[in-house]
PDB file of all heavy atoms in Angstrom:
ATOM      1  N   GLN A   1     -31.602   6.659 -32.523  1.00  0.00           N
ATOM      2  CA  GLN A   1     -30.730   7.399 -33.428  1.00  0.00           C
ATOM      3  C   GLN A   1     -30.361   8.767 -32.855  1.00  0.00           C
ATOM      4  O   GLN A   1     -29.240   9.264 -33.057  1.00  0.00           O
ATOM      5  CB  GLN A   1     -31.393   7.550 -34.796  1.00  0.00           C
ATOM      6  CG  GLN A   1     -31.472   6.242 -35.565  1.00  0.00           C
ATOM      7  CD  GLN A   1     -32.344   6.344 -36.808  1.00  0.00           C
ATOM      8  OE1 GLN A   1     -33.161   7.267 -36.921  1.00  0.00           O
ATOM      9  NE2 GLN A   1     -32.174   5.399 -37.740  1.00  0.00           N
ATOM     10  N   ASN A   2     -31.271   9.391 -32.158  1.00  0.00           N
ATOM     11  CA  ASN A   2     -30.960  10.680 -31.538  1.00  0.00           C
ATOM     12  C   ASN A   2     -29.882  10.518 -30.463  1.00  0.00           C
ATOM     13  O   ASN A   2     -29.017  11.404 -30.289  1.00  0.00           O
ATOM     14  CB  ASN A   2     -32.219  11.299 -30.935  1.00  0.00           C
ATOM     15  CG  ASN A   2     -33.126  11.926 -31.983  1.00  0.00           C
ATOM     16  OD1 ASN A   2     -32.627  12.456 -32.991  1.00  0.00           O
ATOM     17  ND2 ASN A   2     -34.433  11.882 -31.760  1.00  0.00           N
ATOM     18  N   GLU A   3     -29.930   9.403 -29.732  1.00  0.00           N
ATOM     19  CA  GLU A   3     -28.881   9.146 -28.740  1.00  0.00           C
ATOM     20  C   GLU A   3     -27.532   8.922 -29.438  1.00  0.00           C
ATOM     21  O   GLU A   3     -26.483   9.431 -28.972  1.00  0.00           O
ATOM     22  CB  GLU A   3     -29.245   7.920 -27.905  1.00  0.00           C
ATOM     23  CG  GLU A   3     -30.438   8.151 -26.983  1.00  0.00           C
ATOM     24  CD  GLU A   3     -30.809   6.905 -26.193  1.00  0.00           C
ATOM     25  OE1 GLU A   3     -30.103   5.886 -26.361  1.00  0.00           O
ATOM     26  OE2 GLU A   3     -31.781   6.959 -25.420  1.00  0.00           O
ATOM     27  N   GLN A   4     -27.551   8.165 -30.532  1.00  0.00           N
ATOM     28  CA  GLN A   4     -26.316   7.953 -31.293  1.00  0.00           C
ATOM     29  C   GLN A   4     -25.780   9.263 -31.845  1.00  0.00           C
ATOM     30  O   GLN A   4     -24.563   9.513 -31.832  1.00  0.00           O
ATOM     31  CB  GLN A   4     -26.567   6.963 -32.434  1.00  0.00           C
ATOM     32  CG  GLN A   4     -26.893   5.561 -31.979  1.00  0.00           C
ATOM     33  CD  GLN A   4     -27.254   4.638 -33.150  1.00  0.00           C
ATOM     34  OE1 GLN A   4     -27.394   5.094 -34.290  1.00  0.00           O
ATOM     35  NE2 GLN A   4     -27.388   3.347 -32.855  1.00  0.00           N
ATOM     36  N   LEU A   5     -26.674  10.116 -32.301  1.00  0.00           N
ATOM     37  CA  LEU A   5     -26.255  11.417 -32.844  1.00  0.00           C
ATOM     38  C   LEU A   5     -25.599  12.259 -31.760  1.00  0.00           C
ATOM     39  O   LEU A   5     -24.598  12.950 -32.009  1.00  0.00           O
ATOM     40  CB  LEU A   5     -27.470  12.144 -33.423  1.00  0.00           C
ATOM     41  CG  LEU A   5     -27.197  13.531 -34.010  1.00  0.00           C
ATOM     42  CD1 LEU A   5     -26.222  13.433 -35.185  1.00  0.00           C
ATOM     43  CD2 LEU A   5     -28.504  14.176 -34.476  1.00  0.00           C
ATOM     44  N   SER A   6     -26.158  12.205 -30.552  1.00  0.00           N
ATOM     45  CA  SER A   6     -25.575  12.971 -29.454  1.00  0.00           C
ATOM     46  C   SER A   6     -24.157  12.500 -29.152  1.00  0.00           C
ATOM     47  O   SER A   6     -23.238  13.321 -28.920  1.00  0.00           O
ATOM     48  CB  SER A   6     -26.462  12.840 -28.216  1.00  0.00           C
ATOM     49  OG  SER A   6     -25.893  13.539 -27.129  1.00  0.00           O
ATOM     50  N   VAL A   7     -23.919  11.166 -29.194  1.00  0.00           N
ATOM     51  CA  VAL A   7     -22.584  10.627 -28.937  1.00  0.00           C
ATOM     52  C   VAL A   7     -21.606  11.056 -30.036  1.00  0.00           C
ATOM     53  O   VAL A   7     -20.457  11.473 -29.764  1.00  0.00           O
ATOM     54  CB  VAL A   7     -22.649   9.082 -28.841  1.00  0.00           C
ATOM     55  CG1 VAL A   7     -21.231   8.499 -28.763  1.00  0.00           C
ATOM     56  CG2 VAL A   7     -23.447   8.674 -27.625  1.00  0.00           C
ATOM     57  N   LEU A   8     -22.060  10.960 -31.288  1.00  0.00           N
ATOM     58  CA  LEU A   8     -21.200  11.337 -32.415  1.00  0.00           C
ATOM     59  C   LEU A   8     -20.859  12.829 -32.395  1.00  0.00           C
ATOM     60  O   LEU A   8     -19.743  13.236 -32.755  1.00  0.00           O
ATOM     61  CB  LEU A   8     -21.872  10.971 -33.731  1.00  0.00           C
ATOM     62  CG  LEU A   8     -21.934   9.477 -34.053  1.00  0.00           C
ATOM     63  CD1 LEU A   8     -22.744   9.240 -35.329  1.00  0.00           C
ATOM     64  CD2 LEU A   8     -20.512   8.910 -34.218  1.00  0.00           C
ATOM     65  N   GLU A   9     -21.803  13.639 -32.011  1.00  0.00           N
ATOM     66  CA  GLU A   9     -21.538  15.084 -31.967  1.00  0.00           C
ATOM     67  C   GLU A   9     -20.521  15.408 -30.878  1.00  0.00           C
ATOM     68  O   GLU A   9     -19.675  16.307 -31.043  1.00  0.00           O
ATOM     69  CB  GLU A   9     -22.851  15.846 -31.732  1.00  0.00           C
ATOM     70  CG  GLU A   9     -23.753  15.880 -32.969  1.00  0.00           C
ATOM     71  CD  GLU A   9     -25.094  16.538 -32.714  1.00  0.00           C
ATOM     72  OE1 GLU A   9     -25.467  16.694 -31.522  1.00  0.00           O
ATOM     73  OE2 GLU A   9     -25.770  16.911 -33.695  1.00  0.00           O
ATOM     74  N   ASN A  10     -20.543  14.682 -29.769  1.00  0.00           N
ATOM     75  CA  ASN A  10     -19.524  14.881 -28.721  1.00  0.00           C
ATOM     76  C   ASN A  10     -18.139  14.444 -29.226  1.00  0.00           C
ATOM     77  O   ASN A  10     -17.122  15.109 -28.973  1.00  0.00           O
ATOM     78  CB  ASN A  10     -19.891  14.082 -27.475  1.00  0.00           C
ATOM     79  CG  ASN A  10     -21.102  14.662 -26.765  1.00  0.00           C
ATOM     80  OD1 ASN A  10     -21.375  15.865 -26.870  1.00  0.00           O
ATOM     81  ND2 ASN A  10     -21.825  13.828 -26.029  1.00  0.00           N
ATOM     82  N   GLU A  11     -18.132  13.315 -29.954  1.00  0.00           N
ATOM     83  CA  GLU A  11     -16.875  12.843 -30.518  1.00  0.00           C
ATOM     84  C   GLU A  11     -16.351  13.828 -31.563  1.00  0.00           C
ATOM     85  O   GLU A  11     -15.125  14.078 -31.650  1.00  0.00           O
ATOM     86  CB  GLU A  11     -17.086  11.468 -31.157  1.00  0.00           C
ATOM     87  CG  GLU A  11     -15.837  10.852 -31.765  1.00  0.00           C
ATOM     88  CD  GLU A  11     -14.765  10.516 -30.739  1.00  0.00           C
ATOM     89  OE1 GLU A  11     -15.098  10.459 -29.518  1.00  0.00           O
ATOM     90  OE2 GLU A  11     -13.599  10.312 -31.137  1.00  0.00           O
ATOM     91  N   GLN A  12     -17.271  14.403 -32.342  1.00  0.00           N
ATOM     92  CA  GLN A  12     -16.877  15.395 -33.351  1.00  0.00           C
ATOM     93  C   GLN A  12     -16.227  16.605 -32.693  1.00  0.00           C
ATOM     94  O   GLN A  12     -15.206  17.134 -33.162  1.00  0.00           O
ATOM     95  CB  GLN A  12     -18.103  15.807 -34.160  1.00  0.00           C
ATOM     96  CG  GLN A  12     -17.812  16.811 -35.253  1.00  0.00           C
ATOM     97  CD  GLN A  12     -19.097  17.360 -35.883  1.00  0.00           C
ATOM     98  OE1 GLN A  12     -20.027  17.713 -35.149  1.00  0.00           O
ATOM     99  NE2 GLN A  12     -19.125  17.406 -37.212  1.00  0.00           N
ATOM    100  N   SER A  13     -16.807  17.061 -31.610  1.00  0.00           N
ATOM    101  CA  SER A  13     -16.254  18.228 -30.915  1.00  0.00           C
ATOM    102  C   SER A  13     -14.856  17.922 -30.357  1.00  0.00           C
ATOM    103  O   SER A  13     -13.947  18.767 -30.420  1.00  0.00           O
ATOM    104  CB  SER A  13     -17.198  18.629 -29.775  1.00  0.00           C
ATOM    105  OG  SER A  13     -16.668  19.712 -29.061  1.00  0.00           O
ATOM    106  N   ARG A  14     -14.641  16.710 -29.836  1.00  0.00           N
ATOM    107  CA  ARG A  14     -13.339  16.330 -29.288  1.00  0.00           C
ATOM    108  C   ARG A  14     -12.281  16.255 -30.397  1.00  0.00           C
ATOM    109  O   ARG A  14     -11.123  16.710 -30.238  1.00  0.00           O
ATOM    110  CB  ARG A  14     -13.455  14.995 -28.565  1.00  0.00           C
ATOM    111  CG  ARG A  14     -12.196  14.580 -27.797  1.00  0.00           C
ATOM    112  CD  ARG A  14     -12.411  13.235 -27.135  1.00  0.00           C
ATOM    113  NE  ARG A  14     -12.514  12.190 -28.139  1.00  0.00           N
ATOM    114  CZ  ARG A  14     -11.460  11.592 -28.721  1.00  0.00           C
ATOM    115  NH1 ARG A  14     -10.236  11.955 -28.437  1.00  0.00           N
ATOM    116  NH2 ARG A  14     -11.648  10.653 -29.633  1.00  0.00           N
ATOM    117  N   LEU A  15     -12.698  15.652 -31.546  1.00  0.00           N
ATOM    118  CA  LEU A  15     -11.742  15.508 -32.641  1.00  0.00           C
ATOM    119  C   LEU A  15     -11.350  16.863 -33.221  1.00  0.00           C
ATOM    120  O   LEU A  15     -10.193  17.056 -33.681  1.00  0.00           O
ATOM    121  CB  LEU A  15     -12.346  14.621 -33.736  1.00  0.00           C
ATOM    122  CG  LEU A  15     -12.448  13.131 -33.392  1.00  0.00           C
ATOM    123  CD1 LEU A  15     -13.206  12.374 -34.484  1.00  0.00           C
ATOM    124  CD2 LEU A  15     -11.039  12.533 -33.220  1.00  0.00           C
ATOM    125  N   LYS A  16     -12.275  17.806 -33.259  1.00  0.00           N
ATOM    126  CA  LYS A  16     -11.940  19.146 -33.762  1.00  0.00           C
ATOM    127  C   LYS A  16     -10.817  19.763 -32.935  1.00  0.00           C
ATOM    128  O   LYS A  16      -9.882  20.409 -33.475  1.00  0.00           O
ATOM    129  CB  LYS A  16     -13.170  20.046 -33.717  1.00  0.00           C
ATOM    130  CG  LYS A  16     -14.173  19.772 -34.825  1.00  0.00           C
ATOM    131  CD  LYS A  16     -15.345  20.736 -34.727  1.00  0.00           C
ATOM    132  CE  LYS A  16     -16.344  20.495 -35.868  1.00  0.00           C
ATOM    133  NZ  LYS A  16     -17.504  21.418 -35.783  1.00  0.00           N
ATOM    134  N   LYS A  17     -10.838  19.569 -31.645  1.00  0.00           N
ATOM    135  CA  LYS A  17      -9.802  20.127 -30.781  1.00  0.00           C
ATOM    136  C   LYS A  17      -8.458  19.415 -31.015  1.00  0.00           C
ATOM    137  O   LYS A  17      -7.378  20.054 -31.022  1.00  0.00           O
ATOM    138  CB  LYS A  17     -10.215  19.996 -29.320  1.00  0.00           C
ATOM    139  CG  LYS A  17     -11.415  20.848 -28.953  1.00  0.00           C
ATOM    140  CD  LYS A  17     -11.803  20.644 -27.500  1.00  0.00           C
ATOM    141  CE  LYS A  17     -13.018  21.489 -27.118  1.00  0.00           C
ATOM    142  NZ  LYS A  17     -13.413  21.284 -25.712  1.00  0.00           N
ATOM    143  N   LEU A  18      -8.510  18.099 -31.171  1.00  0.00           N
ATOM    144  CA  LEU A  18      -7.284  17.344 -31.390  1.00  0.00           C
ATOM    145  C   LEU A  18      -6.656  17.686 -32.737  1.00  0.00           C
ATOM    146  O   LEU A  18      -5.407  17.819 -32.858  1.00  0.00           O
ATOM    147  CB  LEU A  18      -7.573  15.836 -31.319  1.00  0.00           C
ATOM    148  CG  LEU A  18      -7.959  15.303 -29.937  1.00  0.00           C
ATOM    149  CD1 LEU A  18      -8.347  13.818 -30.032  1.00  0.00           C
ATOM    150  CD2 LEU A  18      -6.801  15.491 -28.938  1.00  0.00           C
ATOM    151  N   VAL A  19      -7.478  17.799 -33.762  1.00  0.00           N
ATOM    152  CA  VAL A  19      -6.956  18.142 -35.087  1.00  0.00           C
ATOM    153  C   VAL A  19      -6.357  19.543 -35.058  1.00  0.00           C
ATOM    154  O   VAL A  19      -5.300  19.812 -35.663  1.00  0.00           O
ATOM    155  CB  VAL A  19      -8.055  18.019 -36.153  1.00  0.00           C
ATOM    156  CG1 VAL A  19      -7.586  18.608 -37.477  1.00  0.00           C
ATOM    157  CG2 VAL A  19      -8.472  16.567 -36.334  1.00  0.00           C
ATOM    158  N   ALA A  20      -7.029  20.454 -34.364  1.00  0.00           N
ATOM    159  CA  ALA A  20      -6.503  21.822 -34.276  1.00  0.00           C
ATOM    160  C   ALA A  20      -5.157  21.839 -33.558  1.00  0.00           C
ATOM    161  O   ALA A  20      -4.268  22.656 -33.877  1.00  0.00           O
ATOM    162  CB  ALA A  20      -7.506  22.718 -33.544  1.00  0.00           C
ATOM    163  N   ALA A  21      -4.974  20.923 -32.626  1.00  0.00           N
ATOM    164  CA  ALA A  21      -3.698  20.840 -31.899  1.00  0.00           C
ATOM    165  C   ALA A  21      -2.729  19.893 -32.580  1.00  0.00           C
ATOM    166  O   ALA A  21      -1.646  19.600 -32.047  1.00  0.00           O
ATOM    167  CB  ALA A  21      -3.940  20.382 -30.464  1.00  0.00           C
ATOM    168  N   GLN A  22      -3.096  19.419 -33.772  1.00  0.00           N
ATOM    169  CA  GLN A  22      -2.298  18.478 -34.559  1.00  0.00           C
ATOM    170  C   GLN A  22      -1.957  17.231 -33.756  1.00  0.00           C
ATOM    171  O   GLN A  22      -0.908  16.612 -33.900  1.00  0.00           O
ATOM    172  CB  GLN A  22      -1.010  19.154 -35.067  1.00  0.00           C
ATOM    173  CG  GLN A  22      -1.263  20.307 -36.008  1.00  0.00           C
ATOM    174  CD  GLN A  22       0.033  20.915 -36.546  1.00  0.00           C
ATOM    175  OE1 GLN A  22       1.145  20.546 -36.111  1.00  0.00           O
ATOM    176  NE2 GLN A  22      -0.104  21.846 -37.488  1.00  0.00           N
ATOM    177  N   ALA A  23      -2.932  16.841 -32.867  1.00  0.00           N
ATOM    178  CA  ALA A  23      -2.739  15.637 -32.050  1.00  0.00           C
ATOM    179  C   ALA A  23      -3.472  14.451 -32.652  1.00  0.00           C
ATOM    180  O   ALA A  23      -3.356  13.319 -32.146  1.00  0.00           O
ATOM    181  CB  ALA A  23      -3.230  15.872 -30.629  1.00  0.00           C
ATOM    182  N   ALA A  24      -4.271  14.682 -33.704  1.00  0.00           N
ATOM    183  CA  ALA A  24      -5.002  13.582 -34.353  1.00  0.00           C
ATOM    184  C   ALA A  24      -5.107  13.892 -35.833  1.00  0.00           C
ATOM    185  O   ALA A  24      -5.145  15.069 -36.244  1.00  0.00           O
ATOM    186  CB  ALA A  24      -6.396  13.436 -33.752  1.00  0.00           C
ATOM    187  N   PRO A  25      -5.133  12.824 -36.674  1.00  0.00           N
ATOM    188  CA  PRO A  25      -5.251  13.063 -38.120  1.00  0.00           C
ATOM    189  C   PRO A  25      -6.629  13.618 -38.481  1.00  0.00           C
ATOM    190  O   PRO A  25      -7.646  13.309 -37.842  1.00  0.00           O
ATOM    191  CB  PRO A  25      -5.032  11.666 -38.713  1.00  0.00           C
ATOM    192  CG  PRO A  25      -5.391  10.708 -37.647  1.00  0.00           C
ATOM    193  CD  PRO A  25      -5.034  11.373 -36.349  1.00  0.00           C
ATOM    194  N   SER A  26      -6.671  14.406 -39.510  1.00  0.00           N
ATOM    195  CA  SER A  26      -7.943  15.026 -39.931  1.00  0.00           C
ATOM    196  C   SER A  26      -8.924  14.008 -40.504  1.00  0.00           C
ATOM    197  O   SER A  26     -10.135  14.251 -40.554  1.00  0.00           O
ATOM    198  CB  SER A  26      -7.651  16.111 -40.966  1.00  0.00           C
ATOM    199  OG  SER A  26      -6.980  15.550 -42.106  1.00  0.00           O
ATOM    200  N   LYS A  27      -8.391  12.833 -40.908  1.00  0.00           N
ATOM    201  CA  LYS A  27      -9.288  11.815 -41.462  1.00  0.00           C
ATOM    202  C   LYS A  27     -10.317  11.355 -40.421  1.00  0.00           C
ATOM    203  O   LYS A  27     -11.475  11.061 -40.734  1.00  0.00           O
ATOM    204  CB  LYS A  27      -8.466  10.627 -41.960  1.00  0.00           C
ATOM    205  CG  LYS A  27      -9.308   9.539 -42.631  1.00  0.00           C
ATOM    206  CD  LYS A  27      -8.430   8.417 -43.140  1.00  0.00           C
ATOM    207  CE  LYS A  27      -9.288   7.356 -43.846  1.00  0.00           C
ATOM    208  NZ  LYS A  27     -10.367   6.836 -43.026  1.00  0.00           N
ATOM    209  N   GLN A  28      -9.912  11.266 -39.162  1.00  0.00           N
ATOM    210  CA  GLN A  28     -10.858  10.844 -38.126  1.00  0.00           C
ATOM    211  C   GLN A  28     -12.003  11.846 -37.985  1.00  0.00           C
ATOM    212  O   GLN A  28     -13.162  11.467 -37.784  1.00  0.00           O
ATOM    213  CB  GLN A  28     -10.114  10.700 -36.793  1.00  0.00           C
ATOM    214  CG  GLN A  28      -9.126   9.546 -36.760  1.00  0.00           C
ATOM    215  CD  GLN A  28      -8.467   9.418 -35.382  1.00  0.00           C
ATOM    216  OE1 GLN A  28      -8.693  10.213 -34.483  1.00  0.00           O
ATOM    217  NE2 GLN A  28      -7.594   8.410 -35.259  1.00  0.00           N
ATOM    218  N   LEU A  29     -11.663  13.106 -38.121  1.00  0.00           N
ATOM    219  CA  LEU A  29     -12.723  14.136 -38.044  1.00  0.00           C
ATOM    220  C   LEU A  29     -13.649  14.032 -39.243  1.00  0.00           C
ATOM    221  O   LEU A  29     -14.872  14.172 -39.111  1.00  0.00           O
ATOM    222  CB  LEU A  29     -12.091  15.512 -37.961  1.00  0.00           C
ATOM    223  CG  LEU A  29     -13.072  16.709 -37.890  1.00  0.00           C
ATOM    224  CD1 LEU A  29     -13.954  16.574 -36.645  1.00  0.00           C
ATOM    225  CD2 LEU A  29     -12.300  18.031 -37.868  1.00  0.00           C
ATOM    226  N   ASP A  30     -13.071  13.751 -40.443  1.00  0.00           N
ATOM    227  CA  ASP A  30     -13.906  13.616 -41.636  1.00  0.00           C
ATOM    228  C   ASP A  30     -14.839  12.409 -41.509  1.00  0.00           C
ATOM    229  O   ASP A  30     -16.019  12.482 -41.897  1.00  0.00           O
ATOM    230  CB  ASP A  30     -13.016  13.461 -42.871  1.00  0.00           C
ATOM    231  CG  ASP A  30     -12.209  14.731 -43.170  1.00  0.00           C
ATOM    232  OD1 ASP A  30     -12.652  15.808 -42.692  1.00  0.00           O
ATOM    233  OD2 ASP A  30     -11.195  14.622 -43.864  1.00  0.00           O
ATOM    234  N   ASP A  31     -14.348  11.320 -40.949  1.00  0.00           N
ATOM    235  CA  ASP A  31     -15.201  10.131 -40.766  1.00  0.00           C
ATOM    236  C   ASP A  31     -16.350  10.429 -39.795  1.00  0.00           C
ATOM    237  O   ASP A  31     -17.496  10.011 -40.015  1.00  0.00           O
ATOM    238  CB  ASP A  31     -14.363   8.964 -40.236  1.00  0.00           C
ATOM    239  CG  ASP A  31     -13.364   8.458 -41.278  1.00  0.00           C
ATOM    240  OD1 ASP A  31     -13.586   8.747 -42.480  1.00  0.00           O
ATOM    241  OD2 ASP A  31     -12.409   7.775 -40.883  1.00  0.00           O
ATOM    242  N   ALA A  32     -16.033  11.158 -38.739  1.00  0.00           N
ATOM    243  CA  ALA A  32     -17.078  11.503 -37.762  1.00  0.00           C
ATOM    244  C   ALA A  32     -18.132  12.404 -38.392  1.00  0.00           C
ATOM    245  O   ALA A  32     -19.352  12.250 -38.172  1.00  0.00           O
ATOM    246  CB  ALA A  32     -16.460  12.178 -36.545  1.00  0.00           C
ATOM    247  N   ASN A  33     -17.691  13.355 -39.212  1.00  0.00           N
ATOM    248  CA  ASN A  33     -18.655  14.248 -39.877  1.00  0.00           C
ATOM    249  C   ASN A  33     -19.564  13.457 -40.821  1.00  0.00           C
ATOM    250  O   ASN A  33     -20.765  13.718 -40.923  1.00  0.00           O
ATOM    251  CB  ASN A  33     -17.899  15.324 -40.660  1.00  0.00           C
ATOM    252  CG  ASN A  33     -17.207  16.321 -39.747  1.00  0.00           C
ATOM    253  OD1 ASN A  33     -17.609  16.493 -38.592  1.00  0.00           O
ATOM    254  ND2 ASN A  33     -16.164  16.975 -40.241  1.00  0.00           N
ATOM    255  N   GLY A  34     -18.969  12.479 -41.535  1.00  0.00           N
ATOM    256  CA  GLY A  34     -19.783  11.668 -42.451  1.00  0.00           C
ATOM    257  C   GLY A  34     -20.812  10.830 -41.709  1.00  0.00           C
ATOM    258  O   GLY A  34     -21.958  10.697 -42.157  1.00  0.00           O
ATOM    259  N   GLN A  35     -20.421  10.251 -40.575  1.00  0.00           N
ATOM    260  CA  GLN A  35     -21.367   9.442 -39.795  1.00  0.00           C
ATOM    261  C   GLN A  35     -22.521  10.299 -39.272  1.00  0.00           C
ATOM    262  O   GLN A  35     -23.688   9.870 -39.262  1.00  0.00           O
ATOM    263  CB  GLN A  35     -20.621   8.781 -38.634  1.00  0.00           C
ATOM    264  CG  GLN A  35     -19.637   7.710 -39.072  1.00  0.00           C
ATOM    265  CD  GLN A  35     -18.852   7.133 -37.908  1.00  0.00           C
ATOM    266  OE1 GLN A  35     -19.043   7.547 -36.759  1.00  0.00           O
ATOM    267  NE2 GLN A  35     -17.952   6.198 -38.211  1.00  0.00           N
ATOM    268  N   ILE A  36     -22.194  11.487 -38.826  1.00  0.00           N
ATOM    269  CA  ILE A  36     -23.248  12.388 -38.319  1.00  0.00           C
ATOM    270  C   ILE A  36     -24.207  12.753 -39.437  1.00  0.00           C
ATOM    271  O   ILE A  36     -25.438  12.769 -39.251  1.00  0.00           O
ATOM    272  CB  ILE A  36     -22.611  13.649 -37.701  1.00  0.00           C
ATOM    273  CG1 ILE A  36     -21.881  13.287 -36.403  1.00  0.00           C
ATOM    274  CG2 ILE A  36     -23.664  14.717 -37.449  1.00  0.00           C
ATOM    275  CD1 ILE A  36     -21.113  14.437 -35.792  1.00  0.00           C
ATOM    276  N   SER A  37     -23.723  13.039 -40.612  1.00  0.00           N
ATOM    277  CA  SER A  37     -24.591  13.412 -41.728  1.00  0.00           C
ATOM    278  C   SER A  37     -25.518  12.263 -42.110  1.00  0.00           C
ATOM    279  O   SER A  37     -26.720  12.474 -42.343  1.00  0.00           O
ATOM    280  CB  SER A  37     -23.713  13.812 -42.922  1.00  0.00           C
ATOM    281  OG  SER A  37     -24.519  14.111 -44.046  1.00  0.00           O
ATOM    282  N   ILE A  38     -24.954  11.045 -42.176  1.00  0.00           N
ATOM    283  CA  ILE A  38     -25.777   9.879 -42.531  1.00  0.00           C
ATOM    284  C   ILE A  38     -26.854   9.636 -41.468  1.00  0.00           C
ATOM    285  O   ILE A  38     -28.018   9.370 -41.778  1.00  0.00           O
ATOM    286  CB  ILE A  38     -24.886   8.641 -42.692  1.00  0.00           C
ATOM    287  CG1 ILE A  38     -23.980   8.799 -43.917  1.00  0.00           C
ATOM    288  CG2 ILE A  38     -25.730   7.383 -42.817  1.00  0.00           C
ATOM    289  CD1 ILE A  38     -22.927   7.717 -44.043  1.00  0.00           C
ATOM    290  N   LEU A  39     -26.481   9.789 -40.192  1.00  0.00           N
ATOM    291  CA  LEU A  39     -27.432   9.534 -39.112  1.00  0.00           C
ATOM    292  C   LEU A  39     -28.571  10.546 -39.115  1.00  0.00           C
ATOM    293  O   LEU A  39     -29.733  10.208 -38.877  1.00  0.00           O
ATOM    294  CB  LEU A  39     -26.684   9.558 -37.774  1.00  0.00           C
ATOM    295  CG  LEU A  39     -27.459   9.031 -36.559  1.00  0.00           C
ATOM    296  CD1 LEU A  39     -27.919   7.591 -36.793  1.00  0.00           C
ATOM    297  CD2 LEU A  39     -26.578   9.089 -35.311  1.00  0.00           C
ATOM    298  N   LYS A  40     -28.259  11.789 -39.433  1.00  0.00           N
ATOM    299  CA  LYS A  40     -29.311  12.815 -39.495  1.00  0.00           C
ATOM    300  C   LYS A  40     -30.296  12.518 -40.621  1.00  0.00           C
ATOM    301  O   LYS A  40     -31.515  12.708 -40.472  1.00  0.00           O
ATOM    302  CB  LYS A  40     -28.685  14.196 -39.695  1.00  0.00           C
ATOM    303  CG  LYS A  40     -28.024  14.746 -38.449  1.00  0.00           C
ATOM    304  CD  LYS A  40     -27.482  16.151 -38.699  1.00  0.00           C
ATOM    305  CE  LYS A  40     -26.887  16.731 -37.431  1.00  0.00           C
ATOM    306  NZ  LYS A  40     -26.332  18.110 -37.661  1.00  0.00           N
ATOM    307  N   LYS A  41     -29.777  12.037 -41.759  1.00  0.00           N
ATOM    308  CA  LYS A  41     -30.672  11.696 -42.866  1.00  0.00           C
ATOM    309  C   LYS A  41     -31.583  10.518 -42.493  1.00  0.00           C
ATOM    310  O   LYS A  41     -32.764  10.486 -42.862  1.00  0.00           O
ATOM    311  CB  LYS A  41     -29.842  11.364 -44.104  1.00  0.00           C
ATOM    312  CG  LYS A  41     -29.128  12.567 -44.701  1.00  0.00           C
ATOM    313  CD  LYS A  41     -28.293  12.167 -45.902  1.00  0.00           C
ATOM    314  CE  LYS A  41     -27.579  13.383 -46.494  1.00  0.00           C
ATOM    315  NZ  LYS A  41     -26.731  13.021 -47.666  1.00  0.00           N
ATOM    316  N   GLN A  42     -31.022   9.557 -41.762  1.00  0.00           N
ATOM    317  CA  GLN A  42     -31.831   8.419 -41.325  1.00  0.00           C
ATOM    318  C   GLN A  42     -32.949   8.867 -40.365  1.00  0.00           C
ATOM    319  O   GLN A  42     -34.083   8.383 -40.443  1.00  0.00           O
ATOM    320  CB  GLN A  42     -30.941   7.379 -40.645  1.00  0.00           C
ATOM    321  CG  GLN A  42     -30.002   6.667 -41.603  1.00  0.00           C
ATOM    322  CD  GLN A  42     -29.070   5.705 -40.889  1.00  0.00           C
ATOM    323  OE1 GLN A  42     -28.963   5.736 -39.668  1.00  0.00           O
ATOM    324  NE2 GLN A  42     -28.379   4.862 -41.657  1.00  0.00           N
ATOM    325  N   ILE A  43     -32.597   9.785 -39.487  1.00  0.00           N
ATOM    326  CA  ILE A  43     -33.608  10.300 -38.541  1.00  0.00           C
ATOM    327  C   ILE A  43     -34.723  11.012 -39.294  1.00  0.00           C
ATOM    328  O   ILE A  43     -35.920  10.827 -39.015  1.00  0.00           O
ATOM    329  CB  ILE A  43     -32.945  11.245 -37.510  1.00  0.00           C
ATOM    330  CG1 ILE A  43     -32.020  10.448 -36.582  1.00  0.00           C
ATOM    331  CG2 ILE A  43     -34.016  11.972 -36.704  1.00  0.00           C
ATOM    332  CD1 ILE A  43     -31.217  11.314 -35.632  1.00  0.00           C
TER     333      ILE A  43
END
């Protein structure tokens, strides 16, 4: 789970940049944030 969390956090950082540049919808960033929160609770 810690390895999965590391991957999701990298994806979260990438999506933040894309959303800020209006190159990706904000929904993808919200989904990534939700997955990270659920994974941390599982850990």
